[in-house]
Amino acid sequence: MHDTAKIKLLVLFLSAILAGISVLLFFIDRSLPWTNGKIISCVIVNIWLFFMIPALRNSYNLNRGKSYGEWFKMGFDFGASGIAIPLILAPYFGLVYYFTFKDN
């Protein structure tokens, strides 16, 4: 099951807010000067944060129809990897989320 355009816009808005907060925190932090390392880390962290919410939403949509017992068994079988894989590969799963459309 895929989300509607309204839900995707909400997810996009929340992702932008999360990335904006991260950028703000990078600018507030005065412990490191703005060198190439800080700029690169700011870009990479914000790309990951921007795609984290859609990646988790995509994982939720894939497993939405399962019962609580199946969710528990899936969590027991995979441990943390059920959440860790979408977080590690957040840009990929985020793009998959944004480019899959609801079937009418």
Protein backbone atom coordinates (compact mmCIF):
# COMPACT_ATOMS: atom_id res chain seq x y z
CA MET A 1 0.00 0.00 0.00
CA HIS A 2 1.28 3.43 -0.91
CA ASP A 3 0.56 6.82 0.64
CA THR A 4 -1.48 9.55 -0.96
CA ALA A 5 0.05 12.82 -2.16
CA LYS A 6 -1.23 14.56 0.99
CA ILE A 7 0.63 12.15 3.28
CA LYS A 8 3.78 12.40 1.13
CA LEU A 9 3.68 16.19 1.37
CA LEU A 10 3.36 15.93 5.16
CA VAL A 11 6.34 13.55 5.26
CA LEU A 12 8.28 15.97 3.02
CA PHE A 13 7.42 18.86 5.36
CA LEU A 14 8.52 16.90 8.45
CA SER A 15 11.74 15.86 6.70
CA ALA A 16 12.50 19.47 5.80
CA ILE A 17 11.90 20.55 9.40
CA LEU A 18 14.21 17.83 10.72
CA ALA A 19 16.95 18.79 8.24
CA GLY A 20 16.43 22.47 9.06
CA ILE A 21 16.89 21.81 12.77
CA SER A 22 20.10 19.95 11.96
CA VAL A 23 21.43 22.85 9.87
CA LEU A 24 20.54 25.24 12.68
CA LEU A 25 22.46 23.09 15.16
CA PHE A 26 25.47 23.05 12.84
CA PHE A 27 25.42 26.86 12.71
CA ILE A 28 24.91 27.22 16.46
CA ASP A 29 27.89 24.95 17.19
CA ARG A 30 30.96 27.15 17.53
CA SER A 31 33.37 24.40 18.68
CA LEU A 32 34.62 23.71 15.14
CA PRO A 33 35.40 26.24 12.44
CA TRP A 34 33.73 25.91 9.05
CA THR A 35 36.35 23.79 7.32
CA ASN A 36 35.84 21.27 4.53
CA GLY A 37 35.24 18.53 7.11
CA LYS A 38 32.42 20.37 8.85
CA ILE A 39 30.80 21.34 5.55
CA ILE A 40 30.95 17.77 4.21
CA SER A 41 29.60 16.33 7.47
CA CYS A 42 26.80 18.91 7.49
CA VAL A 43 25.77 17.93 3.96
CA ILE A 44 25.95 14.17 4.59
CA VAL A 45 24.12 14.34 7.94
CA ASN A 46 21.36 16.48 6.45
CA ILE A 47 20.88 14.20 3.44
CA TRP A 48 20.54 11.26 5.82
CA LEU A 49 18.15 13.11 8.12
CA PHE A 50 16.05 14.34 5.21
CA PHE A 51 15.50 10.78 3.94
CA MET A 52 15.14 9.11 7.37
CA ILE A 53 11.41 9.79 7.87
CA PRO A 54 10.37 8.62 4.37
CA ALA A 55 12.56 5.51 4.74
CA LEU A 56 10.85 4.57 8.01
CA ARG A 57 7.43 5.35 6.52
CA ASN A 58 8.21 3.12 3.53
CA SER A 59 9.18 0.28 5.87
CA TYR A 60 5.95 0.79 7.81
CA ASN A 61 3.89 0.74 4.59
CA LEU A 62 5.49 -2.53 3.50
CA ASN A 63 4.53 -4.20 6.78
CA ARG A 64 1.26 -2.39 7.49
CA GLY A 65 -1.10 -5.34 7.06
CA LYS A 66 0.64 -7.60 9.56
CA SER A 67 -0.80 -8.49 12.92
CA TYR A 68 0.85 -7.59 16.23
CA GLY A 69 2.13 -11.14 16.54
CA GLU A 70 3.77 -10.93 13.14
CA TRP A 71 5.31 -7.56 14.04
CA PHE A 72 6.68 -9.06 17.25
CA LYS A 73 8.04 -12.11 15.45
CA MET A 74 9.61 -9.91 12.79
CA GLY A 75 11.25 -7.77 15.49
CA PHE A 76 12.41 -10.85 17.35
CA ASP A 77 13.84 -12.43 14.18
CA PHE A 78 15.58 -9.36 12.83
CA GLY A 79 16.39 -7.59 16.09
CA ALA A 80 17.55 -4.06 15.44
CA SER A 81 18.09 -4.64 11.73
CA GLY A 82 14.39 -4.05 11.06
CA ILE A 83 14.99 -0.41 11.87
CA ALA A 84 18.73 -0.21 11.30
CA ILE A 85 18.64 -1.16 7.62
CA PRO A 86 16.21 1.64 6.63
CA LEU A 87 18.23 4.09 8.71
CA ILE A 88 21.56 3.04 7.22
CA LEU A 89 20.19 3.06 3.68
CA ALA A 90 17.88 6.05 4.28
CA PRO A 91 18.63 7.89 1.01
CA TYR A 92 17.75 4.81 -1.05
CA PHE A 93 14.56 3.96 0.85
CA GLY A 94 13.58 7.64 0.97
CA LEU A 95 13.80 7.93 -2.81
CA VAL A 96 11.82 4.70 -3.19
CA TYR A 97 9.16 6.19 -0.92
CA TYR A 98 8.88 9.44 -2.82
CA PHE A 99 8.78 7.82 -6.26
CA THR A 100 6.17 5.12 -5.59
CA PHE A 101 2.65 6.34 -6.16
CA LYS A 102 -0.72 5.18 -4.92
CA ASP A 103 -2.49 2.74 -7.21
CA ASN A 104 -6.05 3.82 -7.94
